[in-house]
Amino acid sequence: MAVETALKFLERMEREDSLRSQLYITKPQDLKTLSEFARGKGFVISTDDLADALNQYQPRLASGSIEPLKVYLNGYKRLPAPAEE
């Protein structure tokens, strides 16, 4: 469900110039701060969910690309899942 929320955030980023402008003004440094920006806009998502959404997202509009956001995936590493006993 949270990945769906992250996908909705990316769709809104693609659709709304003003939201993209706000993001580029705040200049998030990494995927964590990008997910904090999303939470500030009402999209409660984790960093991992946002990473999954960026990998899955298919552009829907001819204008308004989220492609620049994919740079946040560079160097992003997930914490290992706890081992099951």
PDB file of N, CA and C in Angstrom:
ATOM      1  N   MET A   1       0.819  -1.197   0.000  1.00  0.00           N
ATOM      2  CA  MET A   1       0.000   0.000   0.000  1.00  0.00           C
ATOM      3  C   MET A   1       0.862   1.259   0.000  1.00  0.00           C
ATOM      4  N   ALA A   2       1.943   1.241   0.740  1.00  0.00           N
ATOM      5  CA  ALA A   2       2.781   2.442   0.811  1.00  0.00           C
ATOM      6  C   ALA A   2       3.484   2.719  -0.510  1.00  0.00           C
ATOM      7  N   VAL A   3       3.828   1.671  -1.268  1.00  0.00           N
ATOM      8  CA  VAL A   3       4.419   1.891  -2.582  1.00  0.00           C
ATOM      9  C   VAL A   3       3.396   2.577  -3.487  1.00  0.00           C
ATOM     10  N   GLU A   4       2.127   2.204  -3.358  1.00  0.00           N
ATOM     11  CA  GLU A   4       1.069   2.866  -4.127  1.00  0.00           C
ATOM     12  C   GLU A   4       1.008   4.351  -3.782  1.00  0.00           C
ATOM     13  N   THR A   5       1.184   4.678  -2.515  1.00  0.00           N
ATOM     14  CA  THR A   5       1.192   6.078  -2.096  1.00  0.00           C
ATOM     15  C   THR A   5       2.384   6.797  -2.706  1.00  0.00           C
ATOM     16  N   ALA A   6       3.532   6.137  -2.729  1.00  0.00           N
ATOM     17  CA  ALA A   6       4.724   6.732  -3.331  1.00  0.00           C
ATOM     18  C   ALA A   6       4.526   6.941  -4.834  1.00  0.00           C
ATOM     19  N   LEU A   7       3.869   5.997  -5.486  1.00  0.00           N
ATOM     20  CA  LEU A   7       3.572   6.152  -6.909  1.00  0.00           C
ATOM     21  C   LEU A   7       2.638   7.338  -7.146  1.00  0.00           C
ATOM     22  N   LYS A   8       1.682   7.541  -6.250  1.00  0.00           N
ATOM     23  CA  LYS A   8       0.781   8.694  -6.367  1.00  0.00           C
ATOM     24  C   LYS A   8       1.563  10.002  -6.191  1.00  0.00           C
ATOM     25  N   PHE A   9       2.528   9.997  -5.285  1.00  0.00           N
ATOM     26  CA  PHE A   9       3.379  11.171  -5.100  1.00  0.00           C
ATOM     27  C   PHE A   9       4.137  11.476  -6.394  1.00  0.00           C
ATOM     28  N   LEU A  10       4.719  10.451  -7.014  1.00  0.00           N
ATOM     29  CA  LEU A  10       5.464  10.658  -8.249  1.00  0.00           C
ATOM     30  C   LEU A  10       4.552  11.130  -9.375  1.00  0.00           C
ATOM     31  N   GLU A  11       3.342  10.599  -9.419  1.00  0.00           N
ATOM     32  CA  GLU A  11       2.381  11.052 -10.430  1.00  0.00           C
ATOM     33  C   GLU A  11       2.064  12.528 -10.237  1.00  0.00           C
ATOM     34  N   ARG A  12       1.893  12.917  -8.990  1.00  0.00           N
ATOM     35  CA  ARG A  12       1.611  14.329  -8.703  1.00  0.00           C
ATOM     36  C   ARG A  12       2.824  15.198  -9.046  1.00  0.00           C
ATOM     37  N   MET A  13       4.030  14.699  -8.767  1.00  0.00           N
ATOM     38  CA  MET A  13       5.249  15.432  -9.123  1.00  0.00           C
ATOM     39  C   MET A  13       5.315  15.646 -10.634  1.00  0.00           C
ATOM     40  N   GLU A  14       4.939  14.633 -11.378  1.00  0.00           N
ATOM     41  CA  GLU A  14       4.963  14.730 -12.840  1.00  0.00           C
ATOM     42  C   GLU A  14       3.919  15.727 -13.339  1.00  0.00           C
ATOM     43  N   ARG A  15       2.776  15.755 -12.693  1.00  0.00           N
ATOM     44  CA  ARG A  15       1.635  16.545 -13.158  1.00  0.00           C
ATOM     45  C   ARG A  15       1.716  18.021 -12.763  1.00  0.00           C
ATOM     46  N   GLU A  16       2.319  18.330 -11.616  1.00  0.00           N
ATOM     47  CA  GLU A  16       2.241  19.692 -11.079  1.00  0.00           C
ATOM     48  C   GLU A  16       3.585  20.422 -11.121  1.00  0.00           C
ATOM     49  N   ASP A  17       3.648  21.429 -11.971  1.00  0.00           N
ATOM     50  CA  ASP A  17       4.859  22.241 -12.074  1.00  0.00           C
ATOM     51  C   ASP A  17       5.212  22.904 -10.749  1.00  0.00           C
ATOM     52  N   SER A  18       4.199  23.386 -10.029  1.00  0.00           N
ATOM     53  CA  SER A  18       4.476  24.101  -8.778  1.00  0.00           C
ATOM     54  C   SER A  18       5.102  23.179  -7.729  1.00  0.00           C
ATOM     55  N   LEU A  19       4.685  21.932  -7.697  1.00  0.00           N
ATOM     56  CA  LEU A  19       5.259  20.979  -6.738  1.00  0.00           C
ATOM     57  C   LEU A  19       6.710  20.676  -7.109  1.00  0.00           C
ATOM     58  N   ARG A  20       6.981  20.502  -8.403  1.00  0.00           N
ATOM     59  CA  ARG A  20       8.365  20.281  -8.839  1.00  0.00           C
ATOM     60  C   ARG A  20       9.227  21.485  -8.505  1.00  0.00           C
ATOM     61  N   SER A  21       8.691  22.687  -8.681  1.00  0.00           N
ATOM     62  CA  SER A  21       9.439  23.902  -8.343  1.00  0.00           C
ATOM     63  C   SER A  21       9.770  23.946  -6.859  1.00  0.00           C
ATOM     64  N   GLN A  22       8.792  23.609  -6.017  1.00  0.00           N
ATOM     65  CA  GLN A  22       9.030  23.574  -4.572  1.00  0.00           C
ATOM     66  C   GLN A  22      10.140  22.584  -4.230  1.00  0.00           C
ATOM     67  N   LEU A  23      10.114  21.432  -4.882  1.00  0.00           N
ATOM     68  CA  LEU A  23      11.129  20.416  -4.619  1.00  0.00           C
ATOM     69  C   LEU A  23      12.508  20.912  -5.024  1.00  0.00           C
ATOM     70  N   TYR A  24      12.618  21.480  -6.211  1.00  0.00           N
ATOM     71  CA  TYR A  24      13.925  21.914  -6.690  1.00  0.00           C
ATOM     72  C   TYR A  24      14.466  23.089  -5.881  1.00  0.00           C
ATOM     73  N   ILE A  25      13.584  23.895  -5.304  1.00  0.00           N
ATOM     74  CA  ILE A  25      14.023  24.985  -4.429  1.00  0.00           C
ATOM     75  C   ILE A  25      14.584  24.434  -3.128  1.00  0.00           C
ATOM     76  N   THR A  26      13.949  23.370  -2.589  1.00  0.00           N
ATOM     77  CA  THR A  26      14.411  22.804  -1.314  1.00  0.00           C
ATOM     78  C   THR A  26      15.681  21.974  -1.472  1.00  0.00           C
ATOM     79  N   LYS A  27      15.989  21.520  -2.693  1.00  0.00           N
ATOM     80  CA  LYS A  27      17.204  20.776  -3.015  1.00  0.00           C
ATOM     81  C   LYS A  27      17.483  19.624  -2.050  1.00  0.00           C
ATOM     82  N   PRO A  28      16.629  18.607  -2.019  1.00  0.00           N
ATOM     83  CA  PRO A  28      16.921  17.461  -1.152  1.00  0.00           C
ATOM     84  C   PRO A  28      18.257  16.831  -1.542  1.00  0.00           C
ATOM     85  N   GLN A  29      18.988  16.370  -0.543  1.00  0.00           N
ATOM     86  CA  GLN A  29      20.323  15.836  -0.779  1.00  0.00           C
ATOM     87  C   GLN A  29      20.346  14.347  -1.095  1.00  0.00           C
ATOM     88  N   ASP A  30      19.299  13.632  -0.674  1.00  0.00           N
ATOM     89  CA  ASP A  30      19.297  12.185  -0.868  1.00  0.00           C
ATOM     90  C   ASP A  30      17.863  11.672  -0.842  1.00  0.00           C
ATOM     91  N   LEU A  31      17.714  10.370  -0.975  1.00  0.00           N
ATOM     92  CA  LEU A  31      16.382   9.767  -1.017  1.00  0.00           C
ATOM     93  C   LEU A  31      15.637   9.972   0.297  1.00  0.00           C
ATOM     94  N   LYS A  32      16.365   9.988   1.402  1.00  0.00           N
ATOM     95  CA  LYS A  32      15.733  10.202   2.715  1.00  0.00           C
ATOM     96  C   LYS A  32      15.080  11.590   2.778  1.00  0.00           C
ATOM     97  N   THR A  33      15.806  12.614   2.358  1.00  0.00           N
ATOM     98  CA  THR A  33      15.225  13.960   2.414  1.00  0.00           C
ATOM     99  C   THR A  33      14.138  14.145   1.352  1.00  0.00           C
ATOM    100  N   LEU A  34      14.232  13.408   0.244  1.00  0.00           N
ATOM    101  CA  LEU A  34      13.147  13.433  -0.741  1.00  0.00           C
ATOM    102  C   LEU A  34      11.880  12.814  -0.145  1.00  0.00           C
ATOM    103  N   SER A  35      12.018  11.725   0.594  1.00  0.00           N
ATOM    104  CA  SER A  35      10.836  11.116   1.225  1.00  0.00           C
ATOM    105  C   SER A  35      10.280  12.030   2.323  1.00  0.00           C
ATOM    106  N   GLU A  36      11.152  12.780   3.004  1.00  0.00           N
ATOM    107  CA  GLU A  36      10.676  13.752   4.001  1.00  0.00           C
ATOM    108  C   GLU A  36       9.888  14.865   3.318  1.00  0.00           C
ATOM    109  N   PHE A  37      10.333  15.302   2.146  1.00  0.00           N
ATOM    110  CA  PHE A  37       9.591  16.299   1.369  1.00  0.00           C
ATOM    111  C   PHE A  37       8.208  15.757   1.031  1.00  0.00           C
ATOM    112  N   ALA A  38       8.149  14.501   0.585  1.00  0.00           N
ATOM    113  CA  ALA A  38       6.863  13.877   0.242  1.00  0.00           C
ATOM    114  C   ALA A  38       5.945  13.836   1.462  1.00  0.00           C
ATOM    115  N   ARG A  39       6.496  13.472   2.615  1.00  0.00           N
ATOM    116  CA  ARG A  39       5.682  13.434   3.837  1.00  0.00           C
ATOM    117  C   ARG A  39       5.153  14.824   4.180  1.00  0.00           C
ATOM    118  N   GLY A  40       5.950  15.841   3.932  1.00  0.00           N
ATOM    119  CA  GLY A  40       5.516  17.215   4.164  1.00  0.00           C
ATOM    120  C   GLY A  40       4.365  17.625   3.250  1.00  0.00           C
ATOM    121  N   LYS A  41       4.200  16.907   2.156  1.00  0.00           N
ATOM    122  CA  LYS A  41       3.109  17.180   1.219  1.00  0.00           C
ATOM    123  C   LYS A  41       1.941  16.223   1.425  1.00  0.00           C
ATOM    124  N   GLY A  42       1.992  15.425   2.512  1.00  0.00           N
ATOM    125  CA  GLY A  42       0.861  14.562   2.846  1.00  0.00           C
ATOM    126  C   GLY A  42       0.972  13.134   2.352  1.00  0.00           C
ATOM    127  N   PHE A  43       2.122  12.755   1.811  1.00  0.00           N
ATOM    128  CA  PHE A  43       2.327  11.389   1.326  1.00  0.00           C
ATOM    129  C   PHE A  43       3.195  10.637   2.331  1.00  0.00           C
ATOM    130  N   VAL A  44       2.574   9.841   3.168  1.00  0.00           N
ATOM    131  CA  VAL A  44       3.300   9.122   4.216  1.00  0.00           C
ATOM    132  C   VAL A  44       3.920   7.872   3.599  1.00  0.00           C
ATOM    133  N   ILE A  45       5.229   7.957   3.335  1.00  0.00           N
ATOM    134  CA  ILE A  45       5.946   6.866   2.675  1.00  0.00           C
ATOM    135  C   ILE A  45       7.326   6.710   3.304  1.00  0.00           C
ATOM    136  N   SER A  46       7.854   5.516   3.202  1.00  0.00           N
ATOM    137  CA  SER A  46       9.211   5.266   3.679  1.00  0.00           C
ATOM    138  C   SER A  46      10.192   5.493   2.530  1.00  0.00           C
ATOM    139  N   THR A  47      11.443   5.581   2.883  1.00  0.00           N
ATOM    140  CA  THR A  47      12.485   5.731   1.879  1.00  0.00           C
ATOM    141  C   THR A  47      12.512   4.516   0.959  1.00  0.00           C
ATOM    142  N   ASP A  48      12.373   3.315   1.522  1.00  0.00           N
ATOM    143  CA  ASP A  48      12.357   2.094   0.707  1.00  0.00           C
ATOM    144  C   ASP A  48      11.175   2.087  -0.262  1.00  0.00           C
ATOM    145  N   ASP A  49      10.004   2.519   0.210  1.00  0.00           N
ATOM    146  CA  ASP A  49       8.829   2.579  -0.667  1.00  0.00           C
ATOM    147  C   ASP A  49       9.047   3.558  -1.811  1.00  0.00           C
ATOM    148  N   LEU A  50       9.674   4.683  -1.515  1.00  0.00           N
ATOM    149  CA  LEU A  50       9.946   5.669  -2.556  1.00  0.00           C
ATOM    150  C   LEU A  50      10.954   5.119  -3.564  1.00  0.00           C
ATOM    151  N   ALA A  51      11.959   4.396  -3.091  1.00  0.00           N
ATOM    152  CA  ALA A  51      12.935   3.777  -4.000  1.00  0.00           C
ATOM    153  C   ALA A  51      12.236   2.783  -4.921  1.00  0.00           C
ATOM    154  N   ASP A  52      11.360   1.949  -4.355  1.00  0.00           N
ATOM    155  CA  ASP A  52      10.614   0.988  -5.174  1.00  0.00           C
ATOM    156  C   ASP A  52       9.745   1.711  -6.202  1.00  0.00           C
ATOM    157  N   ALA A  53       9.094   2.780  -5.777  1.00  0.00           N
ATOM    158  CA  ALA A  53       8.217   3.532  -6.681  1.00  0.00           C
ATOM    159  C   ALA A  53       9.012   4.175  -7.819  1.00  0.00           C
ATOM    160  N   LEU A  54      10.182   4.723  -7.505  1.00  0.00           N
ATOM    161  CA  LEU A  54      11.005   5.327  -8.550  1.00  0.00           C
ATOM    162  C   LEU A  54      11.431   4.286  -9.581  1.00  0.00           C
ATOM    163  N   ASN A  55      11.678   3.073  -9.129  1.00  0.00           N
ATOM    164  CA  ASN A  55      12.047   1.998 -10.053  1.00  0.00           C
ATOM    165  C   ASN A  55      10.861   1.542 -10.910  1.00  0.00           C
ATOM    166  N   GLN A  56       9.651   1.617 -10.366  1.00  0.00           N
ATOM    167  CA  GLN A  56       8.453   1.116 -11.044  1.00  0.00           C
ATOM    168  C   GLN A  56       7.739   2.151 -11.902  1.00  0.00           C
ATOM    169  N   TYR A  57       7.897   3.420 -11.576  1.00  0.00           N
ATOM    170  CA  TYR A  57       7.061   4.458 -12.164  1.00  0.00           C
ATOM    171  C   TYR A  57       7.221   4.548 -13.678  1.00  0.00           C
ATOM    172  N   GLN A  58       6.109   4.587 -14.362  1.00  0.00           N
ATOM    173  CA  GLN A  58       6.070   4.776 -15.809  1.00  0.00           C
ATOM    174  C   GLN A  58       5.482   6.163 -16.081  1.00  0.00           C
ATOM    175  N   PRO A  59       6.210   7.018 -16.797  1.00  0.00           N
ATOM    176  CA  PRO A  59       5.703   8.370 -17.083  1.00  0.00           C
ATOM    177  C   PRO A  59       4.337   8.319 -17.769  1.00  0.00           C
ATOM    178  N   ARG A  60       3.485   9.272 -17.397  1.00  0.00           N
ATOM    179  CA  ARG A  60       2.133   9.331 -17.939  1.00  0.00           C
ATOM    180  C   ARG A  60       1.902  10.548 -18.820  1.00  0.00           C
ATOM    181  N   LEU A  61       2.758  11.546 -18.694  1.00  0.00           N
ATOM    182  CA  LEU A  61       2.565  12.800 -19.418  1.00  0.00           C
ATOM    183  C   LEU A  61       3.750  13.091 -20.334  1.00  0.00           C
ATOM    184  N   ALA A  62       3.480  13.808 -21.398  1.00  0.00           N
ATOM    185  CA  ALA A  62       4.556  14.180 -22.317  1.00  0.00           C
ATOM    186  C   ALA A  62       5.466  15.237 -21.706  1.00  0.00           C
ATOM    187  N   SER A  63       4.897  16.101 -20.868  1.00  0.00           N
ATOM    188  CA  SER A  63       5.693  17.126 -20.197  1.00  0.00           C
ATOM    189  C   SER A  63       5.707  16.823 -18.707  1.00  0.00           C
ATOM    190  N   GLY A  64       6.666  17.390 -18.017  1.00  0.00           N
ATOM    191  CA  GLY A  64       6.731  17.189 -16.579  1.00  0.00           C
ATOM    192  C   GLY A  64       7.343  15.858 -16.209  1.00  0.00           C
ATOM    193  N   SER A  65       8.623  15.731 -16.359  1.00  0.00           N
ATOM    194  CA  SER A  65       9.299  14.465 -16.116  1.00  0.00           C
ATOM    195  C   SER A  65       9.728  14.325 -14.662  1.00  0.00           C
ATOM    196  N   ILE A  66       9.687  13.091 -14.155  1.00  0.00           N
ATOM    197  CA  ILE A  66      10.254  12.802 -12.838  1.00  0.00           C
ATOM    198  C   ILE A  66      11.639  12.186 -12.991  1.00  0.00           C
ATOM    199  N   GLU A  67      12.114  12.096 -14.218  1.00  0.00           N
ATOM    200  CA  GLU A  67      13.413  11.462 -14.486  1.00  0.00           C
ATOM    201  C   GLU A  67      14.540  12.040 -13.619  1.00  0.00           C
ATOM    202  N   PRO A  68      14.594  13.367 -13.385  1.00  0.00           N
ATOM    203  CA  PRO A  68      15.660  13.890 -12.525  1.00  0.00           C
ATOM    204  C   PRO A  68      15.641  13.308 -11.106  1.00  0.00           C
ATOM    205  N   LEU A  69      14.480  12.838 -10.651  1.00  0.00           N
ATOM    206  CA  LEU A  69      14.396  12.275  -9.300  1.00  0.00           C
ATOM    207  C   LEU A  69      15.102  10.925  -9.196  1.00  0.00           C
ATOM    208  N   LYS A  70      15.281  10.250 -10.311  1.00  0.00           N
ATOM    209  CA  LYS A  70      15.911   8.923 -10.271  1.00  0.00           C
ATOM    210  C   LYS A  70      17.375   8.994  -9.859  1.00  0.00           C
ATOM    211  N   VAL A  71      17.976  10.182  -9.929  1.00  0.00           N
ATOM    212  CA  VAL A  71      19.356  10.334  -9.483  1.00  0.00           C
ATOM    213  C   VAL A  71      19.479  10.004  -7.986  1.00  0.00           C
ATOM    214  N   TYR A  72      18.391  10.157  -7.242  1.00  0.00           N
ATOM    215  CA  TYR A  72      18.422   9.854  -5.811  1.00  0.00           C
ATOM    216  C   TYR A  72      18.603   8.364  -5.536  1.00  0.00           C
ATOM    217  N   LEU A  73      18.393   7.540  -6.549  1.00  0.00           N
ATOM    218  CA  LEU A  73      18.608   6.094  -6.377  1.00  0.00           C
ATOM    219  C   LEU A  73      20.095   5.750  -6.390  1.00  0.00           C
ATOM    220  N   ASN A  74      20.910   6.617  -6.993  1.00  0.00           N
ATOM    221  CA  ASN A  74      22.350   6.371  -7.034  1.00  0.00           C
ATOM    222  C   ASN A  74      22.922   6.352  -5.625  1.00  0.00           C
ATOM    223  N   GLY A  75      23.567   5.290  -5.279  1.00  0.00           N
ATOM    224  CA  GLY A  75      24.189   5.177  -3.968  1.00  0.00           C
ATOM    225  C   GLY A  75      23.244   4.796  -2.847  1.00  0.00           C
ATOM    226  N   TYR A  76      21.946   4.645  -3.149  1.00  0.00           N
ATOM    227  CA  TYR A  76      20.992   4.260  -2.103  1.00  0.00           C
ATOM    228  C   TYR A  76      21.117   2.772  -1.827  1.00  0.00           C
ATOM    229  N   LYS A  77      21.281   2.450  -0.558  1.00  0.00           N
ATOM    230  CA  LYS A  77      21.371   1.048  -0.160  1.00  0.00           C
ATOM    231  C   LYS A  77      20.371   0.786   0.954  1.00  0.00           C
ATOM    232  N   ARG A  78      19.643  -0.296   0.809  1.00  0.00           N
ATOM    233  CA  ARG A  78      18.680  -0.691   1.840  1.00  0.00           C
ATOM    234  C   ARG A  78      19.418  -1.368   2.983  1.00  0.00           C
ATOM    235  N   LEU A  79      18.860  -1.218   4.143  1.00  0.00           N
ATOM    236  CA  LEU A  79      19.376  -1.989   5.273  1.00  0.00           C
ATOM    237  C   LEU A  79      18.976  -3.445   5.049  1.00  0.00           C
ATOM    238  N   PRO A  80      19.837  -4.368   5.413  1.00  0.00           N
ATOM    239  CA  PRO A  80      19.457  -5.778   5.237  1.00  0.00           C
ATOM    240  C   PRO A  80      18.274  -6.141   6.112  1.00  0.00           C
ATOM    241  N   ALA A  81      17.427  -6.989   5.569  1.00  0.00           N
ATOM    242  CA  ALA A  81      16.261  -7.474   6.337  1.00  0.00           C
ATOM    243  C   ALA A  81      16.766  -8.363   7.468  1.00  0.00           C
ATOM    244  N   PRO A  82      16.121  -8.332   8.612  1.00  0.00           N
ATOM    245  CA  PRO A  82      16.552  -9.195   9.720  1.00  0.00           C
ATOM    246  C   PRO A  82      16.410 -10.673   9.339  1.00  0.00           C
ATOM    247  N   ALA A  83      17.367 -11.450   9.772  1.00  0.00           N
ATOM    248  CA  ALA A  83      17.356 -12.885   9.470  1.00  0.00           C
ATOM    249  C   ALA A  83      16.237 -13.578  10.241  1.00  0.00           C
ATOM    250  N   GLU A  84      15.553 -14.474   9.565  1.00  0.00           N
ATOM    251  CA  GLU A  84      14.485 -15.250  10.214  1.00  0.00           C
ATOM    252  C   GLU A  84      15.108 -16.414  10.953  1.00  0.00           C
ATOM    253  N   GLU A  85      14.605 -16.691  12.112  1.00  0.00           N
ATOM    254  CA  GLU A  85      15.155 -17.822  12.881  1.00  0.00           C
ATOM    255  C   GLU A  85      14.332 -19.037  12.749  1.00  0.00           C
TER     256      GLU A  85
END
